[in-house]
Structures are given as structure tokens and as C-alpha cells.
């Protein structure tokens, strides 16, 4: 599975790895609805991500609007390139500089 959601002491971690595409969108959305705790901070790790499509980026934009605290840690080159290509830097990464 190209994603996992785990709980930790400081919140929850969504790890995306390999290729996450429209094929996983429905089940990822369902897993996020079921697996995320209310008001728990969420960290998204894309360090091992090799490919991501627009559908998943849109899902992450929606998550940004609904999660109380969301941060992207360890962004892979593939993730950053896709964010730039889709013009979603501000929506997903906010004012992060240097990336």
C-alpha cells in the first residue's frame, strides 16, 4: 500500500511512498475519514514519494482545509515538482521558503 496513517504522541502521520495516484484516491480518502482523530495535528511525510497525481494533490488541499494542524515534512523532489506543476505551492506548503 503506498500510504499509511499512524498515531503517535504528537499527533498523526500520513506517509505517502512510491506512486500515489487516482487509483488510490477513493480508499485514501476513506482511510483519512476513518483514521484521523479530531483535533489531532497531522504530519504528511512524502520523503519516499516517487509519483503523485493531481487527484491526490486535490485531496491534500481538501485535507489542508479540514485538518486543524497540517504540515508537510521531508518533501520529496517528486512531490515538490508536482506541487509546482499544478500551481499549489501556496495552498499546500504555505509560505515555506527555499523549497
Protein backbone atom coordinates (compact mmCIF):
# COMPACT_ATOMS: atom_id res chain seq x y z
CA UNK A 1 0.00 0.00 0.00
CA UNK A 2 1.51 3.37 -0.98
CA UNK A 3 0.24 5.15 2.13
CA UNK A 4 -0.13 4.61 5.85
CA UNK A 5 -1.71 6.51 8.72
CA UNK A 6 -0.24 6.03 12.17
CA UNK A 7 -0.82 7.69 15.52
CA UNK A 8 1.99 8.99 17.66
CA UNK A 9 2.39 11.02 20.83
CA UNK A 10 2.45 14.36 18.99
CA UNK A 11 -0.35 13.64 16.54
CA UNK A 12 -0.76 11.53 13.45
CA UNK A 13 1.46 10.73 10.49
CA UNK A 14 0.31 10.20 6.91
CA UNK A 15 3.15 8.62 4.97
CA UNK A 16 2.99 8.60 1.17
CA UNK A 17 5.52 6.47 -0.70
CA UNK A 18 6.09 5.07 -4.15
CA UNK A 19 3.34 6.15 -6.53
CA UNK A 20 0.08 7.52 -5.15
CA UNK A 21 -2.40 8.16 -7.94
CA UNK A 22 -6.08 8.30 -8.74
CA UNK A 23 -6.18 4.51 -8.30
CA UNK A 24 -5.74 5.01 -4.55
CA UNK A 25 -7.78 8.21 -4.20
CA UNK A 26 -11.06 6.69 -3.05
CA UNK A 27 -9.52 4.34 -0.50
CA UNK A 28 -7.10 7.03 0.74
CA UNK A 29 -10.00 9.45 1.25
CA UNK A 30 -11.93 6.77 3.14
CA UNK A 31 -8.88 5.92 5.27
CA UNK A 32 -8.40 9.60 6.10
CA UNK A 33 -12.05 9.96 7.10
CA UNK A 34 -11.85 6.91 9.34
CA UNK A 35 -8.30 7.18 10.62
CA UNK A 36 -7.86 10.79 11.53
CA UNK A 37 -8.60 11.83 15.06
CA UNK A 38 -10.47 15.05 15.64
CA UNK A 39 -8.20 17.97 16.51
CA UNK A 40 -5.02 15.89 16.24
CA UNK A 41 -2.13 17.51 14.37
CA UNK A 42 -1.27 15.73 11.13
CA UNK A 43 2.18 15.44 9.59
CA UNK A 44 2.45 14.34 5.95
CA UNK A 45 5.73 12.63 5.03
CA UNK A 46 6.41 12.46 1.29
CA UNK A 47 10.13 11.65 1.52
CA UNK A 48 9.73 8.28 -0.21
CA UNK A 49 7.16 9.51 -2.74
CA UNK A 50 8.14 8.91 -6.36
CA UNK A 51 4.95 9.92 -8.17
CA UNK A 52 1.76 11.76 -7.25
CA UNK A 53 -1.04 12.95 -9.47
CA UNK A 54 -3.35 15.95 -9.39
CA UNK A 55 -6.20 13.98 -7.84
CA UNK A 56 -4.15 13.22 -4.73
CA UNK A 57 -2.88 16.80 -4.55
CA UNK A 58 -6.50 17.98 -4.59
CA UNK A 59 -7.27 15.55 -1.77
CA UNK A 60 -4.37 17.03 0.22
CA UNK A 61 -5.69 20.56 -0.46
CA UNK A 62 -9.04 19.50 0.95
CA UNK A 63 -7.29 17.95 3.94
CA UNK A 64 -5.43 21.22 4.49
CA UNK A 65 -8.79 22.98 4.82
CA UNK A 66 -10.30 20.46 7.24
CA UNK A 67 -7.39 19.34 9.43
CA UNK A 68 -6.77 21.60 12.43
CA UNK A 69 -2.98 21.41 12.02
CA UNK A 70 -1.26 20.03 8.93
CA UNK A 71 2.40 20.12 7.95
CA UNK A 72 4.42 18.56 5.17
CA UNK A 73 7.73 17.16 6.34
CA UNK A 74 10.55 15.72 4.31
CA UNK A 75 9.03 16.61 0.90
CA UNK A 76 10.42 14.55 -1.97
CA UNK A 77 11.52 16.11 -5.23
CA UNK A 78 8.60 14.38 -6.97
CA UNK A 79 6.14 15.94 -4.51
CA UNK A 80 7.62 19.42 -4.84
CA UNK A 81 7.69 19.16 -8.65
CA UNK A 82 4.03 18.09 -8.76
CA UNK A 83 3.02 20.90 -6.40
CA UNK A 84 4.81 23.44 -8.60
CA UNK A 85 3.45 21.97 -11.84
CA UNK A 86 -0.12 22.26 -10.51
CA UNK A 87 0.39 25.72 -9.01
CA UNK A 88 -0.46 24.54 -5.49
CA UNK A 89 2.56 25.78 -3.53
CA UNK A 90 0.60 28.36 -1.52
CA UNK A 91 -2.33 26.01 -0.91
CA UNK A 92 -0.23 23.10 0.29
CA UNK A 93 3.05 24.49 1.54
CA UNK A 94 2.01 27.98 2.56
CA UNK A 95 4.88 30.42 2.74
CA UNK A 96 7.65 27.84 3.02
CA UNK A 97 10.83 29.32 1.60
CA UNK A 98 13.69 27.53 -0.04
CA UNK A 99 11.70 24.55 -1.27
